[in-house]
Amino acid sequence: APESCLSQAQAEREKWDAYVAQNVAPGNRPNSYAQAI
C-alpha cells in the first residue's frame, strides 16, 4: 500500500492514544468507567 496511507493512519492512532491516556487518567473529575478500565 502507498506509504502515505499507513503514515496517515499511524498519525491518527497517535492522536487517539493521547486521547485514551487522558480519558483513563484520574483527575479533578467524577469517577468514570474509563478511569476504572
PDB file of all heavy atoms in Angstrom:
ATOM      1  N   ALA A   1       0.846  -1.194   0.000  1.00  0.00           N
ATOM      2  CA  ALA A   1       0.000   0.000   0.000  1.00  0.00           C
ATOM      3  C   ALA A   1       0.881   1.243   0.000  1.00  0.00           C
ATOM      4  O   ALA A   1       2.015   1.216   0.517  1.00  0.00           O
ATOM      5  CB  ALA A   1      -0.907  -0.005   1.218  1.00  0.00           C
ATOM      6  N   PRO A   2       0.414   2.342  -0.564  1.00  0.00           N
ATOM      7  CA  PRO A   2       1.193   3.585  -0.536  1.00  0.00           C
ATOM      8  C   PRO A   2       1.602   3.952   0.888  1.00  0.00           C
ATOM      9  O   PRO A   2       0.803   3.838   1.826  1.00  0.00           O
ATOM     10  CB  PRO A   2       0.229   4.610  -1.127  1.00  0.00           C
ATOM     11  CG  PRO A   2      -0.705   3.811  -1.989  1.00  0.00           C
ATOM     12  CD  PRO A   2      -0.861   2.503  -1.284  1.00  0.00           C
ATOM     13  N   GLU A   3       2.856   4.360   1.064  1.00  0.00           N
ATOM     14  CA  GLU A   3       3.345   4.691   2.404  1.00  0.00           C
ATOM     15  C   GLU A   3       2.527   5.792   3.051  1.00  0.00           C
ATOM     16  O   GLU A   3       2.360   5.826   4.267  1.00  0.00           O
ATOM     17  CB  GLU A   3       4.818   5.093   2.335  1.00  0.00           C
ATOM     18  CG  GLU A   3       5.762   3.938   2.021  1.00  0.00           C
ATOM     19  CD  GLU A   3       7.215   4.360   2.097  1.00  0.00           C
ATOM     20  OE1 GLU A   3       7.494   5.482   2.584  1.00  0.00           O
ATOM     21  OE2 GLU A   3       8.072   3.571   1.675  1.00  0.00           O
ATOM     22  N   SER A   4       1.998   6.697   2.233  1.00  0.00           N
ATOM     23  CA  SER A   4       1.197   7.796   2.783  1.00  0.00           C
ATOM     24  C   SER A   4      -0.054   7.280   3.467  1.00  0.00           C
ATOM     25  O   SER A   4      -0.534   7.864   4.451  1.00  0.00           O
ATOM     26  CB  SER A   4       0.820   8.769   1.671  1.00  0.00           C
ATOM     27  OG  SER A   4       0.072   8.099   0.652  1.00  0.00           O
ATOM     28  N   CYS A   5      -0.599   6.174   2.983  1.00  0.00           N
ATOM     29  CA  CYS A   5      -1.800   5.574   3.574  1.00  0.00           C
ATOM     30  C   CYS A   5      -1.518   5.135   5.008  1.00  0.00           C
ATOM     31  O   CYS A   5      -2.264   5.456   5.938  1.00  0.00           O
ATOM     32  CB  CYS A   5      -2.251   4.396   2.720  1.00  0.00           C
ATOM     33  SG  CYS A   5      -3.530   3.358   3.461  1.00  0.00           S
ATOM     34  N   LEU A   6      -0.403   4.425   5.193  1.00  0.00           N
ATOM     35  CA  LEU A   6      -0.064   3.934   6.515  1.00  0.00           C
ATOM     36  C   LEU A   6       0.386   5.051   7.450  1.00  0.00           C
ATOM     37  O   LEU A   6      -0.003   5.090   8.622  1.00  0.00           O
ATOM     38  CB  LEU A   6       1.033   2.872   6.419  1.00  0.00           C
ATOM     39  CG  LEU A   6       1.451   2.233   7.742  1.00  0.00           C
ATOM     40  CD1 LEU A   6       0.264   1.625   8.470  1.00  0.00           C
ATOM     41  CD2 LEU A   6       2.524   1.174   7.497  1.00  0.00           C
ATOM     42  N   SER A   7       1.173   5.977   6.940  1.00  0.00           N
ATOM     43  CA  SER A   7       1.663   7.056   7.809  1.00  0.00           C
ATOM     44  C   SER A   7       0.512   7.925   8.305  1.00  0.00           C
ATOM     45  O   SER A   7       0.499   8.361   9.462  1.00  0.00           O
ATOM     46  CB  SER A   7       2.693   7.906   7.066  1.00  0.00           C
ATOM     47  OG  SER A   7       2.133   8.501   5.905  1.00  0.00           O
ATOM     48  N   GLN A   8      -0.477   8.161   7.462  1.00  0.00           N
ATOM     49  CA  GLN A   8      -1.648   8.921   7.877  1.00  0.00           C
ATOM     50  C   GLN A   8      -2.418   8.164   8.953  1.00  0.00           C
ATOM     51  O   GLN A   8      -2.844   8.747   9.960  1.00  0.00           O
ATOM     52  CB  GLN A   8      -2.562   9.198   6.682  1.00  0.00           C
ATOM     53  CG  GLN A   8      -3.837   9.959   7.056  1.00  0.00           C
ATOM     54  CD  GLN A   8      -4.797  10.098   5.879  1.00  0.00           C
ATOM     55  OE1 GLN A   8      -4.446   9.802   4.740  1.00  0.00           O
ATOM     56  NE2 GLN A   8      -6.010  10.547   6.159  1.00  0.00           N
ATOM     57  N   ALA A   9      -2.570   6.841   8.757  1.00  0.00           N
ATOM     58  CA  ALA A   9      -3.274   6.025   9.737  1.00  0.00           C
ATOM     59  C   ALA A   9      -2.545   6.022  11.076  1.00  0.00           C
ATOM     60  O   ALA A   9      -3.167   6.129  12.143  1.00  0.00           O
ATOM     61  CB  ALA A   9      -3.419   4.600   9.211  1.00  0.00           C
ATOM     62  N   GLN A  10      -1.235   5.928  11.040  1.00  0.00           N
ATOM     63  CA  GLN A  10      -0.464   5.908  12.282  1.00  0.00           C
ATOM     64  C   GLN A  10      -0.511   7.252  12.999  1.00  0.00           C
ATOM     65  O   GLN A  10      -0.523   7.298  14.239  1.00  0.00           O
ATOM     66  CB  GLN A  10       0.977   5.489  11.987  1.00  0.00           C
ATOM     67  CG  GLN A  10       1.079   4.016  11.589  1.00  0.00           C
ATOM     68  CD  GLN A  10       2.452   3.625  11.094  1.00  0.00           C
ATOM     69  OE1 GLN A  10       3.206   4.464  10.567  1.00  0.00           O
ATOM     70  NE2 GLN A  10       2.806   2.362  11.258  1.00  0.00           N
ATOM     71  N   ALA A  11      -0.558   8.322  12.232  1.00  0.00           N
ATOM     72  CA  ALA A  11      -0.698   9.640  12.856  1.00  0.00           C
ATOM     73  C   ALA A  11      -2.038   9.765  13.562  1.00  0.00           C
ATOM     74  O   ALA A  11      -2.132  10.332  14.669  1.00  0.00           O
ATOM     75  CB  ALA A  11      -0.550  10.736  11.800  1.00  0.00           C
ATOM     76  N   GLU A  12      -3.083   9.209  12.948  1.00  0.00           N
ATOM     77  CA  GLU A  12      -4.398   9.215  13.591  1.00  0.00           C
ATOM     78  C   GLU A  12      -4.373   8.369  14.863  1.00  0.00           C
ATOM     79  O   GLU A  12      -4.970   8.747  15.884  1.00  0.00           O
ATOM     80  CB  GLU A  12      -5.459   8.667  12.627  1.00  0.00           C
ATOM     81  CG  GLU A  12      -5.725   9.543  11.403  1.00  0.00           C
ATOM     82  CD  GLU A  12      -6.469  10.815  11.755  1.00  0.00           C
ATOM     83  OE1 GLU A  12      -6.999  10.920  12.878  1.00  0.00           O
ATOM     84  OE2 GLU A  12      -6.511  11.718  10.899  1.00  0.00           O
ATOM     85  N   ARG A  13      -3.664   7.242  14.834  1.00  0.00           N
ATOM     86  CA  ARG A  13      -3.586   6.383  16.016  1.00  0.00           C
ATOM     87  C   ARG A  13      -2.840   7.081  17.153  1.00  0.00           C
ATOM     88  O   ARG A  13      -3.212   6.940  18.325  1.00  0.00           O
ATOM     89  CB  ARG A  13      -2.903   5.060  15.665  1.00  0.00           C
ATOM     90  CG  ARG A  13      -2.733   4.098  16.865  1.00  0.00           C
ATOM     91  CD  ARG A  13      -4.084   3.687  17.429  1.00  0.00           C
ATOM     92  NE  ARG A  13      -3.991   3.109  18.758  1.00  0.00           N
ATOM     93  CZ  ARG A  13      -4.282   1.849  19.070  1.00  0.00           C
ATOM     94  NH1 ARG A  13      -4.640   1.005  18.127  1.00  0.00           N
ATOM     95  NH2 ARG A  13      -4.212   1.424  20.316  1.00  0.00           N
ATOM     96  N   GLU A  14      -1.818   7.817  16.847  1.00  0.00           N
ATOM     97  CA  GLU A  14      -1.091   8.556  17.888  1.00  0.00           C
ATOM     98  C   GLU A  14      -2.016   9.551  18.585  1.00  0.00           C
ATOM     99  O   GLU A  14      -1.981   9.696  19.812  1.00  0.00           O
ATOM    100  CB  GLU A  14       0.113   9.281  17.278  1.00  0.00           C
ATOM    101  CG  GLU A  14       1.264   8.365  16.902  1.00  0.00           C
ATOM    102  CD  GLU A  14       2.432   9.135  16.326  1.00  0.00           C
ATOM    103  OE1 GLU A  14       2.432  10.389  16.424  1.00  0.00           O
ATOM    104  OE2 GLU A  14       3.362   8.499  15.781  1.00  0.00           O
ATOM    105  N   LYS A  15      -2.843  10.223  17.810  1.00  0.00           N
ATOM    106  CA  LYS A  15      -3.783  11.172  18.410  1.00  0.00           C
ATOM    107  C   LYS A  15      -4.802  10.436  19.287  1.00  0.00           C
ATOM    108  O   LYS A  15      -5.160  10.913  20.367  1.00  0.00           O
ATOM    109  CB  LYS A  15      -4.504  11.978  17.313  1.00  0.00           C
ATOM    110  CG  LYS A  15      -3.617  12.990  16.595  1.00  0.00           C
ATOM    111  CD  LYS A  15      -4.416  13.904  15.689  1.00  0.00           C
ATOM    112  CE  LYS A  15      -4.914  13.187  14.469  1.00  0.00           C
ATOM    113  NZ  LYS A  15      -5.590  14.093  13.505  1.00  0.00           N
ATOM    114  N   TRP A  16      -5.255   9.272  18.827  1.00  0.00           N
ATOM    115  CA  TRP A  16      -6.217   8.510  19.612  1.00  0.00           C
ATOM    116  C   TRP A  16      -5.580   7.995  20.906  1.00  0.00           C
ATOM    117  O   TRP A  16      -6.195   8.038  21.968  1.00  0.00           O
ATOM    118  CB  TRP A  16      -6.776   7.341  18.802  1.00  0.00           C
ATOM    119  CG  TRP A  16      -7.740   6.517  19.588  1.00  0.00           C
ATOM    120  CD1 TRP A  16      -7.540   5.260  20.079  1.00  0.00           C
ATOM    121  CD2 TRP A  16      -9.050   6.904  20.023  1.00  0.00           C
ATOM    122  NE1 TRP A  16      -8.646   4.831  20.781  1.00  0.00           N
ATOM    123  CE2 TRP A  16      -9.586   5.821  20.756  1.00  0.00           C
ATOM    124  CE3 TRP A  16      -9.817   8.050  19.847  1.00  0.00           C
ATOM    125  CZ2 TRP A  16     -10.861   5.858  21.325  1.00  0.00           C
ATOM    126  CZ3 TRP A  16     -11.094   8.086  20.415  1.00  0.00           C
ATOM    127  CH2 TRP A  16     -11.595   7.009  21.141  1.00  0.00           C
ATOM    128  N   ASP A  17      -4.351   7.527  20.828  1.00  0.00           N
ATOM    129  CA  ASP A  17      -3.664   7.047  22.031  1.00  0.00           C
ATOM    130  C   ASP A  17      -3.542   8.162  23.066  1.00  0.00           C
ATOM    131  O   ASP A  17      -3.696   7.929  24.269  1.00  0.00           O
ATOM    132  CB  ASP A  17      -2.273   6.523  21.675  1.00  0.00           C
ATOM    133  CG  ASP A  17      -2.325   5.155  20.996  1.00  0.00           C
ATOM    134  OD1 ASP A  17      -3.376   4.494  21.073  1.00  0.00           O
ATOM    135  OD2 ASP A  17      -1.307   4.749  20.399  1.00  0.00           O
ATOM    136  N   ALA A  18      -3.267   9.370  22.588  1.00  0.00           N
ATOM    137  CA  ALA A  18      -3.152  10.506  23.510  1.00  0.00           C
ATOM    138  C   ALA A  18      -4.497  10.799  24.168  1.00  0.00           C
ATOM    139  O   ALA A  18      -4.565  11.105  25.369  1.00  0.00           O
ATOM    140  CB  ALA A  18      -2.642  11.733  22.759  1.00  0.00           C
ATOM    141  N   TYR A  19      -5.573  10.679  23.397  1.00  0.00           N
ATOM    142  CA  TYR A  19      -6.914  10.896  23.959  1.00  0.00           C
ATOM    143  C   TYR A  19      -7.234   9.845  25.010  1.00  0.00           C
ATOM    144  O   TYR A  19      -7.733  10.162  26.103  1.00  0.00           O
ATOM    145  CB  TYR A  19      -7.962  10.868  22.847  1.00  0.00           C
ATOM    146  CG  TYR A  19      -9.388  10.856  23.379  1.00  0.00           C
ATOM    147  CD1 TYR A  19      -9.974  12.022  23.850  1.00  0.00           C
ATOM    148  CD2 TYR A  19     -10.114   9.676  23.436  1.00  0.00           C
ATOM    149  CE1 TYR A  19     -11.269  12.017  24.365  1.00  0.00           C
ATOM    150  CE2 TYR A  19     -11.400   9.648  23.944  1.00  0.00           C
ATOM    151  CZ  TYR A  19     -11.977  10.819  24.408  1.00  0.00           C
ATOM    152  OH  TYR A  19     -13.240  10.803  24.924  1.00  0.00           O
ATOM    153  N   VAL A  20      -6.955   8.561  24.706  1.00  0.00           N
ATOM    154  CA  VAL A  20      -7.253   7.483  25.653  1.00  0.00           C
ATOM    155  C   VAL A  20      -6.453   7.666  26.937  1.00  0.00           C
ATOM    156  O   VAL A  20      -6.981   7.494  28.047  1.00  0.00           O
ATOM    157  CB  VAL A  20      -6.969   6.111  25.014  1.00  0.00           C
ATOM    158  CG1 VAL A  20      -7.014   4.991  26.060  1.00  0.00           C
ATOM    159  CG2 VAL A  20      -7.983   5.814  23.907  1.00  0.00           C
ATOM    160  N   ALA A  21      -5.180   8.031  26.808  1.00  0.00           N
ATOM    161  CA  ALA A  21      -4.348   8.229  28.001  1.00  0.00           C
ATOM    162  C   ALA A  21      -4.948   9.291  28.913  1.00  0.00           C
ATOM    163  O   ALA A  21      -4.958   9.153  30.146  1.00  0.00           O
ATOM    164  CB  ALA A  21      -2.929   8.616  27.580  1.00  0.00           C
ATOM    165  N   GLN A  22      -5.452  10.345  28.319  1.00  0.00           N
ATOM    166  CA  GLN A  22      -6.096  11.405  29.106  1.00  0.00           C
ATOM    167  C   GLN A  22      -7.443  10.940  29.640  1.00  0.00           C
ATOM    168  O   GLN A  22      -7.825  11.252  30.779  1.00  0.00           O
ATOM    169  CB  GLN A  22      -6.278  12.648  28.235  1.00  0.00           C
ATOM    170  CG  GLN A  22      -6.899  13.827  28.962  1.00  0.00           C
ATOM    171  CD  GLN A  22      -7.125  15.010  28.023  1.00  0.00           C
ATOM    172  OE1 GLN A  22      -7.470  14.832  26.862  1.00  0.00           O
ATOM    173  NE2 GLN A  22      -6.913  16.209  28.518  1.00  0.00           N
ATOM    174  N   ASN A  23      -8.155  10.142  28.855  1.00  0.00           N
ATOM    175  CA  ASN A  23      -9.502   9.695  29.217  1.00  0.00           C
ATOM    176  C   ASN A  23      -9.494   8.761  30.419  1.00  0.00           C
ATOM    177  O   ASN A  23     -10.404   8.800  31.257  1.00  0.00           O
ATOM    178  CB  ASN A  23     -10.137   8.988  28.013  1.00  0.00           C
ATOM    179  CG  ASN A  23     -11.643   8.938  28.095  1.00  0.00           C
ATOM    180  OD1 ASN A  23     -12.279   9.859  28.596  1.00  0.00           O
ATOM    181  ND2 ASN A  23     -12.225   7.863  27.581  1.00  0.00           N
ATOM    182  N   VAL A  24      -8.482   7.898  30.517  1.00  0.00           N
ATOM    183  CA  VAL A  24      -8.450   6.915  31.596  1.00  0.00           C
ATOM    184  C   VAL A  24      -7.739   7.444  32.839  1.00  0.00           C
ATOM    185  O   VAL A  24      -7.783   6.804  33.899  1.00  0.00           O
ATOM    186  CB  VAL A  24      -7.761   5.603  31.144  1.00  0.00           C
ATOM    187  CG1 VAL A  24      -8.486   5.005  29.952  1.00  0.00           C
ATOM    188  CG2 VAL A  24      -6.283   5.816  30.850  1.00  0.00           C
ATOM    189  N   ALA A  25      -7.105   8.600  32.729  1.00  0.00           N
ATOM    190  CA  ALA A  25      -6.339   9.124  33.854  1.00  0.00           C
ATOM    191  C   ALA A  25      -7.260   9.734  34.903  1.00  0.00           C
ATOM    192  O   ALA A  25      -8.191  10.476  34.576  1.00  0.00           O
ATOM    193  CB  ALA A  25      -5.344  10.173  33.368  1.00  0.00           C
ATOM    194  N   PRO A  26      -7.038   9.429  36.181  1.00  0.00           N
ATOM    195  CA  PRO A  26      -7.817  10.080  37.240  1.00  0.00           C
ATOM    196  C   PRO A  26      -7.406  11.539  37.363  1.00  0.00           C
ATOM    197  O   PRO A  26      -6.293  11.922  37.014  1.00  0.00           O
ATOM    198  CB  PRO A  26      -7.441   9.288  38.498  1.00  0.00           C
ATOM    199  CG  PRO A  26      -6.103   8.711  38.194  1.00  0.00           C
ATOM    200  CD  PRO A  26      -6.074   8.454  36.713  1.00  0.00           C
ATOM    201  N   GLY A  27      -8.311  12.357  37.830  1.00  0.00           N
ATOM    202  CA  GLY A  27      -8.024  13.778  37.971  1.00  0.00           C
ATOM    203  C   GLY A  27      -9.160  14.473  38.688  1.00  0.00           C
ATOM    204  O   GLY A  27      -9.940  13.849  39.410  1.00  0.00           O
ATOM    205  N   ASN A  28      -9.274  15.759  38.465  1.00  0.00           N
ATOM    206  CA  ASN A  28     -10.323  16.541  39.128  1.00  0.00           C
ATOM    207  C   ASN A  28     -11.629  16.431  38.348  1.00  0.00           C
ATOM    208  O   ASN A  28     -12.124  17.405  37.773  1.00  0.00           O
ATOM    209  CB  ASN A  28      -9.878  18.000  39.248  1.00  0.00           C
ATOM    210  CG  ASN A  28      -8.668  18.132  40.144  1.00  0.00           C
ATOM    211  OD1 ASN A  28      -8.558  17.443  41.150  1.00  0.00           O
ATOM    212  ND2 ASN A  28      -7.740  19.015  39.765  1.00  0.00           N
ATOM    213  N   ARG A  29     -12.167  15.238  38.321  1.00  0.00           N
ATOM    214  CA  ARG A  29     -13.433  14.979  37.633  1.00  0.00           C
ATOM    215  C   ARG A  29     -14.079  13.773  38.279  1.00  0.00           C
ATOM    216  O   ARG A  29     -13.449  13.024  39.025  1.00  0.00           O
ATOM    217  CB  ARG A  29     -13.205  14.763  36.134  1.00  0.00           C
ATOM    218  CG  ARG A  29     -12.251  13.623  35.800  1.00  0.00           C
ATOM    219  CD  ARG A  29     -11.781  13.694  34.355  1.00  0.00           C
ATOM    220  NE  ARG A  29     -10.835  12.638  34.039  1.00  0.00           N
ATOM    221  CZ  ARG A  29     -11.125  11.567  33.306  1.00  0.00           C
ATOM    222  NH1 ARG A  29     -12.345  11.409  32.823  1.00  0.00           N
ATOM    223  NH2 ARG A  29     -10.202  10.660  33.039  1.00  0.00           N
ATOM    224  N   PRO A  30     -15.348  13.529  37.993  1.00  0.00           N
ATOM    225  CA  PRO A  30     -16.033  12.399  38.640  1.00  0.00           C
ATOM    226  C   PRO A  30     -15.431  11.052  38.239  1.00  0.00           C
ATOM    227  O   PRO A  30     -14.793  10.920  37.189  1.00  0.00           O
ATOM    228  CB  PRO A  30     -17.473  12.531  38.135  1.00  0.00           C
ATOM    229  CG  PRO A  30     -17.602  13.937  37.655  1.00  0.00           C
ATOM    230  CD  PRO A  30     -16.254  14.330  37.162  1.00  0.00           C
ATOM    231  N   ASN A  31     -15.668  10.051  39.084  1.00  0.00           N
ATOM    232  CA  ASN A  31     -15.277   8.684  38.738  1.00  0.00           C
ATOM    233  C   ASN A  31     -15.977   8.259  37.450  1.00  0.00           C
ATOM    234  O   ASN A  31     -17.146   8.586  37.224  1.00  0.00           O
ATOM    235  CB  ASN A  31     -15.679   7.713  39.850  1.00  0.00           C
ATOM    236  CG  ASN A  31     -14.926   7.937  41.140  1.00  0.00           C
ATOM    237  OD1 ASN A  31     -13.898   8.602  41.162  1.00  0.00           O
ATOM    238  ND2 ASN A  31     -15.449   7.369  42.224  1.00  0.00           N
ATOM    239  N   SER A  32     -15.276   7.487  36.626  1.00  0.00           N
ATOM    240  CA  SER A  32     -15.843   7.057  35.345  1.00  0.00           C
ATOM    241  C   SER A  32     -15.452   5.620  35.049  1.00  0.00           C
ATOM    242  O   SER A  32     -14.503   5.062  35.620  1.00  0.00           O
ATOM    243  CB  SER A  32     -15.354   7.961  34.212  1.00  0.00           C
ATOM    244  OG  SER A  32     -13.963   7.765  33.976  1.00  0.00           O
ATOM    245  N   TYR A  33     -16.194   5.010  34.106  1.00  0.00           N
ATOM    246  CA  TYR A  33     -15.821   3.693  33.609  1.00  0.00           C
ATOM    247  C   TYR A  33     -14.389   3.711  33.089  1.00  0.00           C
ATOM    248  O   TYR A  33     -13.608   2.801  33.356  1.00  0.00           O
ATOM    249  CB  TYR A  33     -16.752   3.292  32.458  1.00  0.00           C
ATOM    250  CG  TYR A  33     -18.140   2.856  32.829  1.00  0.00           C
ATOM    251  CD1 TYR A  33     -19.165   2.911  31.877  1.00  0.00           C
ATOM    252  CD2 TYR A  33     -18.450   2.346  34.078  1.00  0.00           C
ATOM    253  CE1 TYR A  33     -20.450   2.479  32.171  1.00  0.00           C
ATOM    254  CE2 TYR A  33     -19.735   1.914  34.388  1.00  0.00           C
ATOM    255  CZ  TYR A  33     -20.733   1.980  33.429  1.00  0.00           C
ATOM    256  OH  TYR A  33     -21.995   1.551  33.731  1.00  0.00           O
ATOM    257  N   ALA A  34     -14.054   4.725  32.292  1.00  0.00           N
ATOM    258  CA  ALA A  34     -12.741   4.774  31.660  1.00  0.00           C
ATOM    259  C   ALA A  34     -11.622   4.775  32.692  1.00  0.00           C
ATOM    260  O   ALA A  34     -10.587   4.124  32.509  1.00  0.00           O
ATOM    261  CB  ALA A  34     -12.642   6.005  30.761  1.00  0.00           C
ATOM    262  N   GLN A  35     -11.819   5.500  33.782  1.00  0.00           N
ATOM    263  CA  GLN A  35     -10.790   5.518  34.824  1.00  0.00           C
ATOM    264  C   GLN A  35     -10.609   4.130  35.435  1.00  0.00           C
ATOM    265  O   GLN A  35      -9.476   3.694  35.684  1.00  0.00           O
ATOM    266  CB  GLN A  35     -11.166   6.530  35.905  1.00  0.00           C
ATOM    267  CG  GLN A  35     -11.122   7.977  35.450  1.00  0.00           C
ATOM    268  CD  GLN A  35     -11.680   8.920  36.494  1.00  0.00           C
ATOM    269  OE1 GLN A  35     -12.025   8.512  37.607  1.00  0.00           O
ATOM    270  NE2 GLN A  35     -11.790  10.189  36.149  1.00  0.00           N
ATOM    271  N   ALA A  36     -11.706   3.452  35.709  1.00  0.00           N
ATOM    272  CA  ALA A  36     -11.613   2.094  36.262  1.00  0.00           C
ATOM    273  C   ALA A  36     -10.901   1.166  35.289  1.00  0.00           C
ATOM    274  O   ALA A  36     -10.072   0.336  35.689  1.00  0.00           O
ATOM    275  CB  ALA A  36     -13.011   1.571  36.580  1.00  0.00           C
ATOM    276  N   ILE A  37     -11.225   1.293  34.009  1.00  0.00           N
ATOM    277  CA  ILE A  37     -10.570   0.480  32.982  1.00  0.00           C
ATOM    278  C   ILE A  37      -9.072   0.769  32.955  1.00  0.00           C
ATOM    279  O   ILE A  37      -8.239  -0.150  32.868  1.00  0.00           O
ATOM    280  CB  ILE A  37     -11.217   0.746  31.609  1.00  0.00           C
ATOM    281  CG1 ILE A  37     -12.632   0.165  31.581  1.00  0.00           C
ATOM    282  CG2 ILE A  37     -10.372   0.170  30.480  1.00  0.00           C
ATOM    283  CD1 ILE A  37     -13.495   0.686  30.454  1.00  0.00           C
TER     284      ILE A  37
END
